[in-house]
PDB file of N, CA and C in Angstrom:
ATOM      1  N   UNK A   1     -28.287   4.790   5.565  1.00  0.00           N
ATOM      2  CA  UNK A   1     -27.374   3.685   5.395  1.00  0.00           C
ATOM      3  C   UNK A   1     -27.589   2.669   6.511  1.00  0.00           C
ATOM      4  N   UNK A   2     -28.654   1.928   6.422  1.00  0.00           N
ATOM      5  CA  UNK A   2     -28.960   0.927   7.432  1.00  0.00           C
ATOM      6  C   UNK A   2     -28.669  -0.457   6.871  1.00  0.00           C
ATOM      7  N   UNK A   3     -27.561  -1.022   7.254  1.00  0.00           N
ATOM      8  CA  UNK A   3     -27.170  -2.350   6.814  1.00  0.00           C
ATOM      9  C   UNK A   3     -27.063  -3.246   8.026  1.00  0.00           C
ATOM     10  N   UNK A   4     -27.147  -4.556   7.780  1.00  0.00           N
ATOM     11  CA  UNK A   4     -26.948  -5.535   8.835  1.00  0.00           C
ATOM     12  C   UNK A   4     -25.636  -6.266   8.560  1.00  0.00           C
ATOM     13  N   UNK A   5     -24.946  -6.650   9.599  1.00  0.00           N
ATOM     14  CA  UNK A   5     -23.659  -7.308   9.455  1.00  0.00           C
ATOM     15  C   UNK A   5     -23.773  -8.561   8.593  1.00  0.00           C
ATOM     16  N   UNK A   6     -24.866  -9.294   8.695  1.00  0.00           N
ATOM     17  CA  UNK A   6     -25.057 -10.510   7.907  1.00  0.00           C
ATOM     18  C   UNK A   6     -25.140 -10.272   6.416  1.00  0.00           C
ATOM     19  N   UNK A   7     -25.383  -9.040   5.997  1.00  0.00           N
ATOM     20  CA  UNK A   7     -25.437  -8.724   4.566  1.00  0.00           C
ATOM     21  C   UNK A   7     -24.041  -8.662   3.949  1.00  0.00           C
ATOM     22  N   UNK A   8     -23.023  -8.511   4.754  1.00  0.00           N
ATOM     23  CA  UNK A   8     -21.649  -8.458   4.265  1.00  0.00           C
ATOM     24  C   UNK A   8     -21.155  -9.886   4.076  1.00  0.00           C
ATOM     25  N   UNK A   9     -21.557 -10.506   2.955  1.00  0.00           N
ATOM     26  CA  UNK A   9     -21.310 -11.928   2.757  1.00  0.00           C
ATOM     27  C   UNK A   9     -20.403 -12.251   1.571  1.00  0.00           C
ATOM     28  N   UNK A  10     -19.767 -11.246   0.993  1.00  0.00           N
ATOM     29  CA  UNK A  10     -18.837 -11.432  -0.118  1.00  0.00           C
ATOM     30  C   UNK A  10     -17.463 -10.918   0.298  1.00  0.00           C
ATOM     31  N   UNK A  11     -16.410 -11.474  -0.305  1.00  0.00           N
ATOM     32  CA  UNK A  11     -15.057 -11.022   0.027  1.00  0.00           C
ATOM     33  C   UNK A  11     -14.445 -10.285  -1.160  1.00  0.00           C
ATOM     34  N   UNK A  12     -13.752  -9.174  -0.851  1.00  0.00           N
ATOM     35  CA  UNK A  12     -13.082  -8.376  -1.869  1.00  0.00           C
ATOM     36  C   UNK A  12     -11.660  -8.061  -1.417  1.00  0.00           C
ATOM     37  N   UNK A  13     -10.886  -7.515  -2.354  1.00  0.00           N
ATOM     38  CA  UNK A  13      -9.550  -6.991  -2.055  1.00  0.00           C
ATOM     39  C   UNK A  13      -9.537  -5.522  -2.435  1.00  0.00           C
ATOM     40  N   UNK A  14      -8.862  -4.723  -1.639  1.00  0.00           N
ATOM     41  CA  UNK A  14      -8.571  -3.340  -2.011  1.00  0.00           C
ATOM     42  C   UNK A  14      -7.133  -3.318  -2.506  1.00  0.00           C
ATOM     43  N   UNK A  15      -6.919  -2.683  -3.664  1.00  0.00           N
ATOM     44  CA  UNK A  15      -5.597  -2.630  -4.266  1.00  0.00           C
ATOM     45  C   UNK A  15      -5.243  -1.200  -4.630  1.00  0.00           C
ATOM     46  N   UNK A  16      -3.932  -0.967  -4.818  1.00  0.00           N
ATOM     47  CA  UNK A  16      -3.454   0.367  -5.171  1.00  0.00           C
ATOM     48  C   UNK A  16      -2.285   0.227  -6.150  1.00  0.00           C
ATOM     49  N   UNK A  17      -2.205   1.179  -7.086  1.00  0.00           N
ATOM     50  CA  UNK A  17      -1.065   1.211  -8.003  1.00  0.00           C
ATOM     51  C   UNK A  17       0.159   1.722  -7.259  1.00  0.00           C
ATOM     52  N   UNK A  18       1.282   1.059  -7.475  1.00  0.00           N
ATOM     53  CA  UNK A  18       2.536   1.454  -6.847  1.00  0.00           C
ATOM     54  C   UNK A  18       3.560   1.691  -7.956  1.00  0.00           C
ATOM     55  N   UNK A  19       4.114   2.899  -8.000  1.00  0.00           N
ATOM     56  CA  UNK A  19       5.103   3.241  -9.023  1.00  0.00           C
ATOM     57  C   UNK A  19       6.495   3.201  -8.413  1.00  0.00           C
ATOM     58  N   UNK A  20       7.384   2.470  -9.077  1.00  0.00           N
ATOM     59  CA  UNK A  20       8.778   2.432  -8.652  1.00  0.00           C
ATOM     60  C   UNK A  20       9.657   2.770  -9.846  1.00  0.00           C
ATOM     61  N   UNK A  21      10.786   3.335  -9.587  1.00  0.00           N
ATOM     62  CA  UNK A  21      11.721   3.728 -10.641  1.00  0.00           C
ATOM     63  C   UNK A  21      12.296   2.490 -11.312  1.00  0.00           C
ATOM     64  N   UNK A  22      12.427   2.565 -12.644  1.00  0.00           N
ATOM     65  CA  UNK A  22      13.039   1.449 -13.364  1.00  0.00           C
ATOM     66  C   UNK A  22      14.534   1.644 -13.553  1.00  0.00           C
ATOM     67  N   UNK A  23      15.101   2.727 -13.002  1.00  0.00           N
ATOM     68  CA  UNK A  23      16.525   2.981 -13.075  1.00  0.00           C
ATOM     69  C   UNK A  23      16.973   3.659 -14.356  1.00  0.00           C
ATOM     70  N   UNK A  24      16.030   3.888 -15.282  1.00  0.00           N
ATOM     71  CA  UNK A  24      16.395   4.524 -16.547  1.00  0.00           C
ATOM     72  C   UNK A  24      15.523   5.740 -16.814  1.00  0.00           C
ATOM     73  N   UNK A  25      14.987   6.341 -15.758  1.00  0.00           N
ATOM     74  CA  UNK A  25      14.193   7.549 -15.891  1.00  0.00           C
ATOM     75  C   UNK A  25      12.700   7.307 -16.025  1.00  0.00           C
ATOM     76  N   UNK A  26      12.298   6.071 -16.069  1.00  0.00           N
ATOM     77  CA  UNK A  26      10.875   5.742 -16.179  1.00  0.00           C
ATOM     78  C   UNK A  26      10.359   5.112 -14.903  1.00  0.00           C
ATOM     79  N   UNK A  27       9.129   4.665 -14.944  1.00  0.00           N
ATOM     80  CA  UNK A  27       8.502   4.026 -13.791  1.00  0.00           C
ATOM     81  C   UNK A  27       7.936   2.670 -14.185  1.00  0.00           C
ATOM     82  N   UNK A  28       7.918   1.779 -13.220  1.00  0.00           N
ATOM     83  CA  UNK A  28       7.256   0.492 -13.368  1.00  0.00           C
ATOM     84  C   UNK A  28       6.045   0.525 -12.442  1.00  0.00           C
ATOM     85  N   UNK A  29       4.864   0.262 -12.999  1.00  0.00           N
ATOM     86  CA  UNK A  29       3.630   0.299 -12.210  1.00  0.00           C
ATOM     87  C   UNK A  29       3.232  -1.125 -11.858  1.00  0.00           C
ATOM     88  N   UNK A  30       3.040  -1.371 -10.565  1.00  0.00           N
ATOM     89  CA  UNK A  30       2.551  -2.664 -10.100  1.00  0.00           C
ATOM     90  C   UNK A  30       1.320  -2.431  -9.239  1.00  0.00           C
ATOM     91  N   UNK A  31       0.480  -3.443  -9.170  1.00  0.00           N
ATOM     92  CA  UNK A  31      -0.718  -3.386  -8.335  1.00  0.00           C
ATOM     93  C   UNK A  31      -0.420  -4.147  -7.047  1.00  0.00           C
ATOM     94  N   UNK A  32      -0.578  -3.476  -5.898  1.00  0.00           N
ATOM     95  CA  UNK A  32      -0.326  -4.117  -4.602  1.00  0.00           C
ATOM     96  C   UNK A  32      -1.614  -4.160  -3.789  1.00  0.00           C
ATOM     97  N   UNK A  33      -1.742  -5.201  -2.996  1.00  0.00           N
ATOM     98  CA  UNK A  33      -2.910  -5.349  -2.130  1.00  0.00           C
ATOM     99  C   UNK A  33      -2.769  -4.451  -0.903  1.00  0.00           C
ATOM    100  N   UNK A  34      -3.832  -3.714  -0.605  1.00  0.00           N
ATOM    101  CA  UNK A  34      -3.884  -2.910   0.619  1.00  0.00           C
ATOM    102  C   UNK A  34      -4.543  -3.734   1.716  1.00  0.00           C
ATOM    103  N   UNK A  35      -5.655  -4.375   1.358  1.00  0.00           N
ATOM    104  CA  UNK A  35      -6.396  -5.215   2.294  1.00  0.00           C
ATOM    105  C   UNK A  35      -7.063  -6.321   1.491  1.00  0.00           C
ATOM    106  N   UNK A  36      -6.951  -7.545   1.951  1.00  0.00           N
ATOM    107  CA  UNK A  36      -7.605  -8.652   1.254  1.00  0.00           C
ATOM    108  C   UNK A  36      -8.505  -9.400   2.232  1.00  0.00           C
ATOM    109  N   UNK A  37      -9.484 -10.090   1.682  1.00  0.00           N
ATOM    110  CA  UNK A  37     -10.429 -10.821   2.517  1.00  0.00           C
ATOM    111  C   UNK A  37     -11.371  -9.917   3.286  1.00  0.00           C
ATOM    112  N   UNK A  38     -11.704  -8.756   2.712  1.00  0.00           N
ATOM    113  CA  UNK A  38     -12.594  -7.794   3.371  1.00  0.00           C
ATOM    114  C   UNK A  38     -14.034  -8.195   3.074  1.00  0.00           C
ATOM    115  N   UNK A  39     -14.829  -8.375   4.108  1.00  0.00           N
ATOM    116  CA  UNK A  39     -16.236  -8.740   3.935  1.00  0.00           C
ATOM    117  C   UNK A  39     -17.026  -7.527   3.454  1.00  0.00           C
ATOM    118  N   UNK A  40     -17.922  -7.759   2.490  1.00  0.00           N
ATOM    119  CA  UNK A  40     -18.699  -6.649   1.952  1.00  0.00           C
ATOM    120  C   UNK A  40     -20.038  -7.135   1.406  1.00  0.00           C
ATOM    121  N   UNK A  41     -20.895  -6.176   1.140  1.00  0.00           N
ATOM    122  CA  UNK A  41     -22.154  -6.386   0.428  1.00  0.00           C
ATOM    123  C   UNK A  41     -21.960  -5.820  -0.968  1.00  0.00           C
ATOM    124  N   UNK A  42     -22.409  -6.534  -1.985  1.00  0.00           N
ATOM    125  CA  UNK A  42     -22.224  -6.108  -3.370  1.00  0.00           C
ATOM    126  C   UNK A  42     -23.593  -5.900  -4.009  1.00  0.00           C
ATOM    127  N   UNK A  43     -23.822  -4.711  -4.565  1.00  0.00           N
ATOM    128  CA  UNK A  43     -25.048  -4.389  -5.286  1.00  0.00           C
ATOM    129  C   UNK A  43     -24.698  -3.866  -6.664  1.00  0.00           C
ATOM    130  N   UNK A  44     -25.102  -4.582  -7.714  1.00  0.00           N
ATOM    131  CA  UNK A  44     -24.927  -4.081  -9.081  1.00  0.00           C
ATOM    132  C   UNK A  44     -25.996  -3.017  -9.312  1.00  0.00           C
ATOM    133  N   UNK A  45     -25.586  -1.808  -9.682  1.00  0.00           N
ATOM    134  CA  UNK A  45     -26.520  -0.697  -9.831  1.00  0.00           C
ATOM    135  C   UNK A  45     -26.969  -0.484 -11.271  1.00  0.00           C
ATOM    136  N   UNK A  46     -26.035  -0.533 -12.209  1.00  0.00           N
ATOM    137  CA  UNK A  46     -26.402  -0.313 -13.602  1.00  0.00           C
ATOM    138  C   UNK A  46     -25.352  -0.923 -14.511  1.00  0.00           C
ATOM    139  N   UNK A  47     -25.732  -1.105 -15.746  1.00  0.00           N
ATOM    140  CA  UNK A  47     -24.809  -1.638 -16.728  1.00  0.00           C
ATOM    141  C   UNK A  47     -25.186  -1.138 -18.111  1.00  0.00           C
ATOM    142  N   UNK A  48     -24.209  -1.150 -19.005  1.00  0.00           N
ATOM    143  CA  UNK A  48     -24.503  -0.732 -20.373  1.00  0.00           C
ATOM    144  C   UNK A  48     -23.471  -1.322 -21.311  1.00  0.00           C
ATOM    145  N   UNK A  49     -23.873  -1.414 -22.567  1.00  0.00           N
ATOM    146  CA  UNK A  49     -22.976  -1.842 -23.620  1.00  0.00           C
ATOM    147  C   UNK A  49     -22.855  -0.716 -24.624  1.00  0.00           C
ATOM    148  N   UNK A  50     -21.674  -0.566 -25.161  1.00  0.00           N
ATOM    149  CA  UNK A  50     -21.481   0.441 -26.202  1.00  0.00           C
ATOM    150  C   UNK A  50     -20.457  -0.080 -27.193  1.00  0.00           C
ATOM    151  N   UNK A  51     -20.536   0.450 -28.401  1.00  0.00           N
ATOM    152  CA  UNK A  51     -19.579   0.071 -29.421  1.00  0.00           C
ATOM    153  C   UNK A  51     -18.718   1.276 -29.743  1.00  0.00           C
ATOM    154  N   UNK A  52     -17.418   1.059 -29.676  1.00  0.00           N
ATOM    155  CA  UNK A  52     -16.490   2.151 -29.957  1.00  0.00           C
ATOM    156  C   UNK A  52     -15.293   1.583 -30.693  1.00  0.00           C
ATOM    157  N   UNK A  53     -14.971   2.186 -31.798  1.00  0.00           N
ATOM    158  CA  UNK A  53     -13.857   1.732 -32.632  1.00  0.00           C
ATOM    159  C   UNK A  53     -14.003   0.252 -32.994  1.00  0.00           C
ATOM    160  N   UNK A  54     -15.221  -0.130 -33.393  1.00  0.00           N
ATOM    161  CA  UNK A  54     -15.536  -1.509 -33.794  1.00  0.00           C
ATOM    162  C   UNK A  54     -15.275  -2.529 -32.691  1.00  0.00           C
ATOM    163  N   UNK A  55     -15.389  -2.094 -31.451  1.00  0.00           N
ATOM    164  CA  UNK A  55     -15.204  -2.991 -30.319  1.00  0.00           C
ATOM    165  C   UNK A  55     -16.390  -2.827 -29.375  1.00  0.00           C
ATOM    166  N   UNK A  56     -16.950  -3.940 -28.913  1.00  0.00           N
ATOM    167  CA  UNK A  56     -18.069  -3.902 -27.985  1.00  0.00           C
ATOM    168  C   UNK A  56     -17.533  -3.772 -26.565  1.00  0.00           C
ATOM    169  N   UNK A  57     -17.983  -2.762 -25.835  1.00  0.00           N
ATOM    170  CA  UNK A  57     -17.552  -2.515 -24.465  1.00  0.00           C
ATOM    171  C   UNK A  57     -18.733  -2.684 -23.519  1.00  0.00           C
ATOM    172  N   UNK A  58     -18.527  -3.418 -22.437  1.00  0.00           N
ATOM    173  CA  UNK A  58     -19.558  -3.586 -21.415  1.00  0.00           C
ATOM    174  C   UNK A  58     -19.070  -2.921 -20.135  1.00  0.00           C
ATOM    175  N   UNK A  59     -19.928  -2.093 -19.532  1.00  0.00           N
ATOM    176  CA  UNK A  59     -19.582  -1.400 -18.293  1.00  0.00           C
ATOM    177  C   UNK A  59     -20.629  -1.707 -17.229  1.00  0.00           C
ATOM    178  N   UNK A  60     -20.203  -1.691 -15.979  1.00  0.00           N
ATOM    179  CA  UNK A  60     -21.104  -1.964 -14.860  1.00  0.00           C
ATOM    180  C   UNK A  60     -20.732  -1.059 -13.690  1.00  0.00           C
ATOM    181  N   UNK A  61     -21.739  -0.432 -13.076  1.00  0.00           N
ATOM    182  CA  UNK A  61     -21.538   0.361 -11.864  1.00  0.00           C
ATOM    183  C   UNK A  61     -22.033  -0.470 -10.683  1.00  0.00           C
ATOM    184  N   UNK A  62     -21.188  -0.621  -9.679  1.00  0.00           N
ATOM    185  CA  UNK A  62     -21.483  -1.483  -8.537  1.00  0.00           C
ATOM    186  C   UNK A  62     -21.216  -0.737  -7.243  1.00  0.00           C
ATOM    187  N   UNK A  63     -22.072  -1.001  -6.236  1.00  0.00           N
ATOM    188  CA  UNK A  63     -21.856  -0.433  -4.906  1.00  0.00           C
ATOM    189  C   UNK A  63     -21.342  -1.539  -3.985  1.00  0.00           C
ATOM    190  N   UNK A  64     -20.214  -1.267  -3.333  1.00  0.00           N
ATOM    191  CA  UNK A  64     -19.629  -2.183  -2.356  1.00  0.00           C
ATOM    192  C   UNK A  64     -19.772  -1.535  -0.981  1.00  0.00           C
ATOM    193  N   UNK A  65     -20.264  -2.282  -0.007  1.00  0.00           N
ATOM    194  CA  UNK A  65     -20.443  -1.779   1.356  1.00  0.00           C
ATOM    195  C   UNK A  65     -19.577  -2.614   2.287  1.00  0.00           C
ATOM    196  N   UNK A  66     -18.717  -1.946   3.061  1.00  0.00           N
ATOM    197  CA  UNK A  66     -17.864  -2.625   4.036  1.00  0.00           C
ATOM    198  C   UNK A  66     -18.019  -1.945   5.391  1.00  0.00           C
ATOM    199  N   UNK A  67     -17.365  -2.496   6.377  1.00  0.00           N
ATOM    200  CA  UNK A  67     -17.254  -1.789   7.644  1.00  0.00           C
ATOM    201  C   UNK A  67     -16.503  -0.486   7.376  1.00  0.00           C
ATOM    202  N   UNK A  68     -16.752   0.516   8.182  1.00  0.00           N
ATOM    203  CA  UNK A  68     -16.152   1.838   7.967  1.00  0.00           C
ATOM    204  C   UNK A  68     -14.635   1.748   7.970  1.00  0.00           C
ATOM    205  N   UNK A  69     -14.014   2.404   6.987  1.00  0.00           N
ATOM    206  CA  UNK A  69     -12.559   2.460   6.919  1.00  0.00           C
ATOM    207  C   UNK A  69     -12.131   3.761   6.259  1.00  0.00           C
ATOM    208  N   UNK A  70     -10.951   4.234   6.632  1.00  0.00           N
ATOM    209  CA  UNK A  70     -10.468   5.517   6.129  1.00  0.00           C
ATOM    210  C   UNK A  70      -9.219   5.384   5.255  1.00  0.00           C
ATOM    211  N   UNK A  71      -8.732   4.172   5.056  1.00  0.00           N
ATOM    212  CA  UNK A  71      -7.482   3.985   4.321  1.00  0.00           C
ATOM    213  C   UNK A  71      -7.673   3.830   2.814  1.00  0.00           C
ATOM    214  N   UNK A  72      -8.886   3.891   2.314  1.00  0.00           N
ATOM    215  CA  UNK A  72      -9.162   3.695   0.889  1.00  0.00           C
ATOM    216  C   UNK A  72      -9.408   5.040   0.225  1.00  0.00           C
ATOM    217  N   UNK A  73      -8.809   5.221  -0.964  1.00  0.00           N
ATOM    218  CA  UNK A  73      -8.954   6.468  -1.712  1.00  0.00           C
ATOM    219  C   UNK A  73      -9.688   6.197  -3.031  1.00  0.00           C
ATOM    220  N   UNK A  74     -10.135   7.275  -3.664  1.00  0.00           N
ATOM    221  CA  UNK A  74     -10.904   7.130  -4.892  1.00  0.00           C
ATOM    222  C   UNK A  74     -10.066   6.694  -6.087  1.00  0.00           C
ATOM    223  N   UNK A  75      -8.754   6.698  -5.974  1.00  0.00           N
ATOM    224  CA  UNK A  75      -7.951   6.187  -7.080  1.00  0.00           C
ATOM    225  C   UNK A  75      -7.475   4.755  -6.828  1.00  0.00           C
ATOM    226  N   UNK A  76      -8.067   4.076  -5.829  1.00  0.00           N
ATOM    227  CA  UNK A  76      -7.753   2.684  -5.543  1.00  0.00           C
ATOM    228  C   UNK A  76      -8.644   1.760  -6.383  1.00  0.00           C
ATOM    229  N   UNK A  77      -8.405   0.478  -6.259  1.00  0.00           N
ATOM    230  CA  UNK A  77      -9.084  -0.541  -7.054  1.00  0.00           C
ATOM    231  C   UNK A  77      -9.699  -1.571  -6.110  1.00  0.00           C
ATOM    232  N   UNK A  78     -10.860  -2.091  -6.486  1.00  0.00           N
ATOM    233  CA  UNK A  78     -11.472  -3.208  -5.773  1.00  0.00           C
ATOM    234  C   UNK A  78     -11.402  -4.421  -6.690  1.00  0.00           C
ATOM    235  N   UNK A  79     -10.943  -5.542  -6.151  1.00  0.00           N
ATOM    236  CA  UNK A  79     -10.978  -6.790  -6.909  1.00  0.00           C
ATOM    237  C   UNK A  79     -12.058  -7.682  -6.316  1.00  0.00           C
ATOM    238  N   UNK A  80     -12.999  -8.081  -7.154  1.00  0.00           N
ATOM    239  CA  UNK A  80     -14.122  -8.923  -6.719  1.00  0.00           C
ATOM    240  C   UNK A  80     -14.297 -10.033  -7.744  1.00  0.00           C
ATOM    241  N   UNK A  81     -14.209 -11.268  -7.301  1.00  0.00           N
ATOM    242  CA  UNK A  81     -14.335 -12.448  -8.160  1.00  0.00           C
ATOM    243  C   UNK A  81     -13.354 -12.399  -9.331  1.00  0.00           C
ATOM    244  N   UNK A  82     -12.150 -11.900  -9.064  1.00  0.00           N
ATOM    245  CA  UNK A  82     -11.107 -11.853 -10.078  1.00  0.00           C
ATOM    246  C   UNK A  82     -11.215 -10.704 -11.064  1.00  0.00           C
ATOM    247  N   UNK A  83     -12.187  -9.820 -10.880  1.00  0.00           N
ATOM    248  CA  UNK A  83     -12.397  -8.679 -11.775  1.00  0.00           C
ATOM    249  C   UNK A  83     -12.046  -7.398 -11.030  1.00  0.00           C
ATOM    250  N   UNK A  84     -11.334  -6.497 -11.701  1.00  0.00           N
ATOM    251  CA  UNK A  84     -10.964  -5.225 -11.079  1.00  0.00           C
ATOM    252  C   UNK A  84     -12.023  -4.162 -11.354  1.00  0.00           C
ATOM    253  N   UNK A  85     -12.381  -3.433 -10.296  1.00  0.00           N
ATOM    254  CA  UNK A  85     -13.341  -2.336 -10.361  1.00  0.00           C
ATOM    255  C   UNK A  85     -12.616  -1.056  -9.971  1.00  0.00           C
ATOM    256  N   UNK A  86     -12.750  -0.029 -10.771  1.00  0.00           N
ATOM    257  CA  UNK A  86     -12.136   1.261 -10.511  1.00  0.00           C
ATOM    258  C   UNK A  86     -13.061   2.053  -9.584  1.00  0.00           C
ATOM    259  N   UNK A  87     -12.585   2.432  -8.401  1.00  0.00           N
ATOM    260  CA  UNK A  87     -13.417   3.199  -7.466  1.00  0.00           C
ATOM    261  C   UNK A  87     -13.637   4.591  -8.045  1.00  0.00           C
ATOM    262  N   UNK A  88     -14.900   4.972  -8.182  1.00  0.00           N
ATOM    263  CA  UNK A  88     -15.257   6.260  -8.762  1.00  0.00           C
ATOM    264  C   UNK A  88     -15.685   7.280  -7.713  1.00  0.00           C
ATOM    265  N   UNK A  89     -16.317   6.802  -6.629  1.00  0.00           N
ATOM    266  CA  UNK A  89     -16.886   7.739  -5.662  1.00  0.00           C
ATOM    267  C   UNK A  89     -16.986   7.070  -4.299  1.00  0.00           C
ATOM    268  N   UNK A  90     -16.569   7.803  -3.272  1.00  0.00           N
ATOM    269  CA  UNK A  90     -16.709   7.364  -1.884  1.00  0.00           C
ATOM    270  C   UNK A  90     -17.456   8.465  -1.148  1.00  0.00           C
ATOM    271  N   UNK A  91     -18.726   8.240  -0.797  1.00  0.00           N
ATOM    272  CA  UNK A  91     -19.456   9.276  -0.058  1.00  0.00           C
ATOM    273  C   UNK A  91     -18.770   9.561   1.276  1.00  0.00           C
ATOM    274  N   UNK A  92     -18.634  10.822   1.601  1.00  0.00           N
ATOM    275  CA  UNK A  92     -18.003  11.219   2.860  1.00  0.00           C
ATOM    276  C   UNK A  92     -18.998  11.025   3.998  1.00  0.00           C
ATOM    277  N   UNK A  93     -18.548  10.374   5.042  1.00  0.00           N
ATOM    278  CA  UNK A  93     -19.400  10.068   6.191  1.00  0.00           C
ATOM    279  C   UNK A  93     -18.703  10.484   7.474  1.00  0.00           C
ATOM    280  N   UNK A  94     -19.471  10.538   8.521  1.00  0.00           N
ATOM    281  CA  UNK A  94     -18.941  10.810   9.853  1.00  0.00           C
ATOM    282  C   UNK A  94     -18.094   9.627  10.311  1.00  0.00           C
ATOM    283  N   UNK A  95     -17.122   9.866  11.154  1.00  0.00           N
ATOM    284  CA  UNK A  95     -16.300   8.774  11.683  1.00  0.00           C
ATOM    285  C   UNK A  95     -17.098   7.873  12.621  1.00  0.00           C
ATOM    286  N   UNK A  96     -18.282   8.301  12.991  1.00  0.00           N
ATOM    287  CA  UNK A  96     -19.135   7.473  13.841  1.00  0.00           C
ATOM    288  C   UNK A  96     -20.005   6.517  13.026  1.00  0.00           C
ATOM    289  N   UNK A  97     -19.876   6.592  11.723  1.00  0.00           N
ATOM    290  CA  UNK A  97     -20.637   5.717  10.839  1.00  0.00           C
ATOM    291  C   UNK A  97     -20.078   4.303  10.910  1.00  0.00           C
ATOM    292  N   UNK A  98     -20.953   3.322  10.890  1.00  0.00           N
ATOM    293  CA  UNK A  98     -20.523   1.944  11.012  1.00  0.00           C
ATOM    294  C   UNK A  98     -20.087   1.336   9.675  1.00  0.00           C
ATOM    295  N   UNK A  99     -20.662   1.824   8.565  1.00  0.00           N
ATOM    296  CA  UNK A  99     -20.383   1.240   7.261  1.00  0.00           C
ATOM    297  C   UNK A  99     -19.873   2.289   6.280  1.00  0.00           C
ATOM    298  N   UNK A 100     -19.122   1.831   5.284  1.00  0.00           N
ATOM    299  CA  UNK A 100     -18.620   2.701   4.217  1.00  0.00           C
ATOM    300  C   UNK A 100     -19.124   2.168   2.888  1.00  0.00           C
ATOM    301  N   UNK A 101     -19.474   3.085   1.984  1.00  0.00           N
ATOM    302  CA  UNK A 101     -19.931   2.718   0.645  1.00  0.00           C
ATOM    303  C   UNK A 101     -18.868   3.131  -0.369  1.00  0.00           C
ATOM    304  N   UNK A 102     -18.659   2.257  -1.353  1.00  0.00           N
ATOM    305  CA  UNK A 102     -17.713   2.514  -2.434  1.00  0.00           C
ATOM    306  C   UNK A 102     -18.428   2.242  -3.750  1.00  0.00           C
ATOM    307  N   UNK A 103     -18.520   3.253  -4.604  1.00  0.00           N
ATOM    308  CA  UNK A 103     -19.140   3.101  -5.913  1.00  0.00           C
ATOM    309  C   UNK A 103     -18.012   2.893  -6.913  1.00  0.00           C
ATOM    310  N   UNK A 104     -18.040   1.753  -7.608  1.00  0.00           N
ATOM    311  CA  UNK A 104     -16.938   1.394  -8.495  1.00  0.00           C
ATOM    312  C   UNK A 104     -17.475   0.896  -9.830  1.00  0.00           C
ATOM    313  N   UNK A 105     -16.620   1.011 -10.846  1.00  0.00           N
ATOM    314  CA  UNK A 105     -17.005   0.673 -12.203  1.00  0.00           C
ATOM    315  C   UNK A 105     -16.036  -0.336 -12.793  1.00  0.00           C
ATOM    316  N   UNK A 106     -16.584  -1.287 -13.515  1.00  0.00           N
ATOM    317  CA  UNK A 106     -15.722  -2.224 -14.243  1.00  0.00           C
ATOM    318  C   UNK A 106     -15.982  -2.045 -15.731  1.00  0.00           C
ATOM    319  N   UNK A 107     -15.016  -2.499 -16.526  1.00  0.00           N
ATOM    320  CA  UNK A 107     -15.175  -2.393 -17.966  1.00  0.00           C
ATOM    321  C   UNK A 107     -14.690  -1.079 -18.518  1.00  0.00           C
ATOM    322  N   UNK A 108     -13.996  -0.300 -17.687  1.00  0.00           N
ATOM    323  CA  UNK A 108     -13.431   0.976 -18.125  1.00  0.00           C
ATOM    324  C   UNK A 108     -11.936   0.940 -17.861  1.00  0.00           C
ATOM    325  N   UNK A 109     -11.229   1.819 -18.493  1.00  0.00           N
ATOM    326  CA  UNK A 109      -9.781   1.875 -18.293  1.00  0.00           C
ATOM    327  C   UNK A 109      -9.466   2.293 -16.872  1.00  0.00           C
ATOM    328  N   UNK A 110      -8.549   1.567 -16.235  1.00  0.00           N
ATOM    329  CA  UNK A 110      -8.141   1.902 -14.870  1.00  0.00           C
ATOM    330  C   UNK A 110      -7.156   2.971 -14.921  1.00  0.00           C
TER     331      UNK A 110
END
């Protein structure tokens, strides 16, 4: 994982679902920002189209690289250019690592 700081030239937001009681036994789910304006490197890894139930679906797997952070979980969301990406995998690294990688997918149900 050898990256240069200058490669982190895109901005993203980290978001998380927040459930609050609606007062009638149910929950209201809202998306809240955890961190915004985070500099990152974005690499599109793969993409595919599929047809399901007479609907065309497009999916994309993307790698986001940021400075090392421990506050992000695999059930969080990345927003990049107004599109939400569901974080699928965060490789575990040493705390001495300078950068963190987040593998996320768009075009799938969050």
